[in-house]
Protein backbone atom coordinates (compact mmCIF):
# COMPACT_ATOMS: atom_id res chain seq x y z
CA UNK A 1 109.72 76.42 102.69
CA UNK A 2 111.32 79.80 102.20
CA UNK A 3 111.97 83.45 103.05
CA UNK A 4 112.65 85.68 100.05
CA UNK A 5 113.68 89.35 100.01
CA UNK A 6 113.17 91.89 97.23
CA UNK A 7 115.37 94.99 97.61
CA UNK A 8 115.45 98.14 95.51
CA UNK A 9 114.50 101.77 95.08
CA UNK A 10 110.89 102.85 94.62
CA UNK A 11 109.79 102.03 91.08
CA UNK A 12 112.44 99.37 90.51
CA UNK A 13 109.86 96.60 90.07
CA UNK A 14 110.44 94.72 93.32
CA UNK A 15 106.77 94.48 94.37
CA UNK A 16 105.70 93.59 90.82
CA UNK A 17 108.19 90.70 90.82
CA UNK A 18 107.19 89.63 94.33
CA UNK A 19 103.55 89.41 93.18
CA UNK A 20 104.57 87.31 90.17
CA UNK A 21 106.45 84.96 92.48
CA UNK A 22 103.46 84.78 94.86
CA UNK A 23 101.25 83.80 91.89
CA UNK A 24 103.75 81.04 91.03
CA UNK A 25 103.73 79.88 94.66
CA UNK A 26 99.91 79.69 94.61
CA UNK A 27 99.99 77.58 91.44
CA UNK A 28 102.64 75.24 92.86
CA UNK A 29 101.27 74.80 96.39
CA UNK A 30 97.55 75.53 96.14
CA UNK A 31 97.91 77.70 99.24
CA UNK A 32 96.27 81.13 99.55
CA UNK A 33 98.21 84.38 99.79
CA UNK A 34 97.99 86.78 102.70
CA UNK A 35 99.15 90.25 101.68
CA UNK A 36 100.30 92.76 104.27
CA UNK A 37 99.88 95.96 102.25
CA UNK A 38 101.87 98.36 104.39
CA UNK A 39 100.84 101.55 102.59
CA UNK A 40 97.78 100.79 100.46
CA UNK A 41 99.67 100.75 97.16
CA UNK A 42 97.83 100.72 93.84
CA UNK A 43 99.68 97.61 92.64
CA UNK A 44 98.11 95.53 95.44
CA UNK A 45 94.59 96.97 95.07
CA UNK A 46 93.41 94.06 92.89
CA UNK A 47 93.62 91.74 95.90
CA UNK A 48 90.51 91.93 98.07
CA UNK A 49 91.34 94.05 101.11
CA UNK A 50 89.74 93.55 104.50
CA UNK A 51 89.47 96.10 107.27
CA UNK A 52 90.92 93.91 110.01
CA UNK A 53 93.56 91.24 110.35
CA UNK A 54 90.93 88.91 111.83
CA UNK A 55 88.87 89.11 108.62
CA UNK A 56 92.00 88.29 106.61
CA UNK A 57 92.71 85.29 108.83
CA UNK A 58 89.17 84.02 108.21
CA UNK A 59 89.56 84.48 104.45
CA UNK A 60 92.92 82.74 104.28
CA UNK A 61 92.54 79.81 106.69
CA UNK A 62 88.80 79.13 106.67
CA UNK A 63 87.74 80.21 103.18
CA UNK A 64 91.21 79.37 101.72
CA UNK A 65 91.22 82.44 99.50
CA UNK A 66 93.69 85.27 98.94
CA UNK A 67 93.23 88.33 101.12
CA UNK A 68 94.99 91.57 102.05
CA UNK A 69 94.86 94.28 104.68
CA UNK A 70 96.57 97.52 105.64
CA UNK A 71 97.79 97.14 109.23
CA UNK A 72 97.31 99.91 111.75
CA UNK A 73 100.31 98.86 113.84
CA UNK A 74 103.05 96.27 114.25
CA UNK A 75 100.95 94.25 116.71
CA UNK A 76 98.47 93.44 113.93
CA UNK A 77 101.31 92.25 111.72
CA UNK A 78 102.60 90.16 114.62
CA UNK A 79 99.15 88.65 115.16
CA UNK A 80 98.96 87.51 111.53
CA UNK A 81 102.41 85.93 111.75
CA UNK A 82 101.37 84.15 114.98
CA UNK A 83 98.43 82.56 113.19
CA UNK A 84 100.67 81.63 110.25
CA UNK A 85 103.07 79.84 112.61
CA UNK A 86 100.18 77.93 114.15
CA UNK A 87 98.35 76.91 110.97
CA UNK A 88 100.90 77.06 108.13
CA UNK A 89 100.13 76.45 104.45
CA UNK A 90 100.14 80.13 103.47
CA UNK A 91 102.15 82.50 101.32
CA UNK A 92 102.73 85.87 102.99
CA UNK A 93 103.68 88.96 101.02
CA UNK A 94 104.99 91.60 103.41
CA UNK A 95 105.29 94.76 101.31
CA UNK A 96 107.69 97.40 102.64
CA UNK A 97 108.70 95.36 105.67
CA UNK A 98 110.66 98.25 107.18
CA UNK A 99 107.37 99.75 108.36
CA UNK A 100 107.03 96.87 110.85
CA UNK A 101 110.64 96.05 111.72
CA UNK A 102 113.81 98.08 112.08
CA UNK A 103 117.55 97.60 111.77
CA UNK A 104 117.60 96.85 115.51
CA UNK A 105 114.42 94.83 115.95
CA UNK A 106 112.08 92.51 114.10
CA UNK A 107 109.18 94.32 115.78
CA UNK A 108 106.80 92.12 117.77
CA UNK A 109 108.45 88.83 118.77
CA UNK A 110 105.85 86.93 116.69
CA UNK A 111 107.36 88.30 113.47
CA UNK A 112 110.85 87.15 114.43
CA UNK A 113 109.57 83.70 115.44
CA UNK A 114 107.75 83.36 112.12
CA UNK A 115 110.85 84.20 110.10
CA UNK A 116 113.01 81.83 112.15
CA UNK A 117 110.54 78.92 112.01
CA UNK A 118 108.93 79.15 108.55
CA UNK A 119 109.84 75.51 107.77
CA UNK A 120 107.86 74.32 110.78
CA UNK A 121 104.66 76.35 110.52
CA UNK A 122 101.48 74.40 111.09
CA UNK A 123 103.22 71.42 112.64
CA UNK A 124 105.57 70.98 109.69
CA UNK A 125 103.24 72.11 106.89
CA UNK A 126 105.46 75.14 106.29
CA UNK A 127 104.94 78.56 104.79
CA UNK A 128 106.49 81.06 102.40
CA UNK A 129 107.39 84.66 103.19
CA UNK A 130 108.12 87.18 100.44
CA UNK A 131 109.16 90.61 101.76
CA UNK A 132 110.04 93.85 100.04
CA UNK A 133 112.16 96.74 101.29
CA UNK A 134 113.97 99.71 99.82
CA UNK A 135 117.09 99.21 101.93
CA UNK A 136 118.45 96.08 103.60
CA UNK A 137 119.91 98.35 106.27
CA UNK A 138 116.33 99.08 107.39
CA UNK A 139 115.83 95.43 108.31
CA UNK A 140 117.08 93.54 111.36
CA UNK A 141 119.98 91.18 110.64
CA UNK A 142 117.98 88.17 111.90
CA UNK A 143 115.47 88.72 109.08
CA UNK A 144 118.28 88.41 106.55
CA UNK A 145 119.87 85.42 108.33
CA UNK A 146 116.69 83.42 107.68
CA UNK A 147 116.75 84.20 103.96
CA UNK A 148 116.57 81.69 101.13
CA UNK A 149 117.05 84.26 98.35
CA UNK A 150 117.58 87.99 97.86
CA UNK A 151 116.48 89.54 94.59
CA UNK A 152 118.26 92.88 94.34
CA UNK A 153 116.84 95.51 92.01
CA UNK A 154 118.33 98.93 91.32
CA UNK A 155 119.83 100.57 94.41
CA UNK A 156 121.58 103.94 94.45
CA UNK A 157 122.49 104.62 98.10
CA UNK A 158 126.25 104.34 98.66
CA UNK A 159 125.62 102.83 102.10
CA UNK A 160 123.30 100.15 100.70
CA UNK A 161 125.58 99.36 97.78
CA UNK A 162 128.51 98.93 100.17
CA UNK A 163 126.49 96.59 102.41
CA UNK A 164 125.40 94.52 99.41
CA UNK A 165 129.04 94.25 98.35
CA UNK A 166 130.44 93.42 101.79
CA UNK A 167 127.77 91.03 103.03
CA UNK A 168 126.44 89.44 99.85
CA UNK A 169 129.23 89.89 97.29
CA UNK A 170 127.11 91.98 94.90
CA UNK A 171 128.89 94.22 92.39
CA UNK A 172 127.68 97.79 93.18
CA UNK A 173 128.26 98.98 89.59
CA UNK A 174 125.95 96.26 88.27
CA UNK A 175 123.24 97.02 90.86
CA UNK A 176 123.23 100.77 90.11
CA UNK A 177 122.75 100.13 86.38
CA UNK A 178 119.78 97.75 86.60
CA UNK A 179 116.71 98.84 84.63
CA UNK A 180 113.15 98.63 86.00
CA UNK A 181 112.24 94.97 86.52
CA UNK A 182 115.80 93.70 86.26
CA UNK A 183 117.40 92.09 89.30
CA UNK A 184 120.31 89.96 90.40
CA UNK A 185 119.44 87.03 92.64
CA UNK A 186 121.60 85.47 95.33
CA UNK A 187 120.68 82.20 96.98
CA UNK A 188 121.34 80.59 100.34
CA UNK A 189 124.84 80.82 101.65
CA UNK A 190 125.68 83.97 99.75
């Protein structure tokens, strides 16, 4: 299956595009979506939100319907990823991933394991992870190493533009000039 990243400044359209791609994934696979709504954003409000991660797990794997929640801490995010690894057949949208992982750590070990093993979730059934962030520098390198695609939206930070150029061969001038909703995609083996 796949790990996809959406990178760009606030308002660049990265979460909107991630949601469109999740909808396509649902149509193609028939799997439900589990949305980790890191900050309770308006764009994700149309997805039924639950108060606890356990309620979301019930919705997604027993009821087989889309569900979202706003985690209280990284351990709750890790718990959801642990269940995903065990049961598979799910599309996870992790909005603003930097709230739960850092440039030095993937957070709870369960998150790292999930990113590294997404092809093998649920005894080979697989899973899809779609994650958004404002800056790739906020995310641990292992999260990027597991990536299938990066969709880069408008970025303006000199540090981020330099990293995109050095590590992924993006043209910083092109990235800075992108309009809302526009992106440049790089695939595996950048």
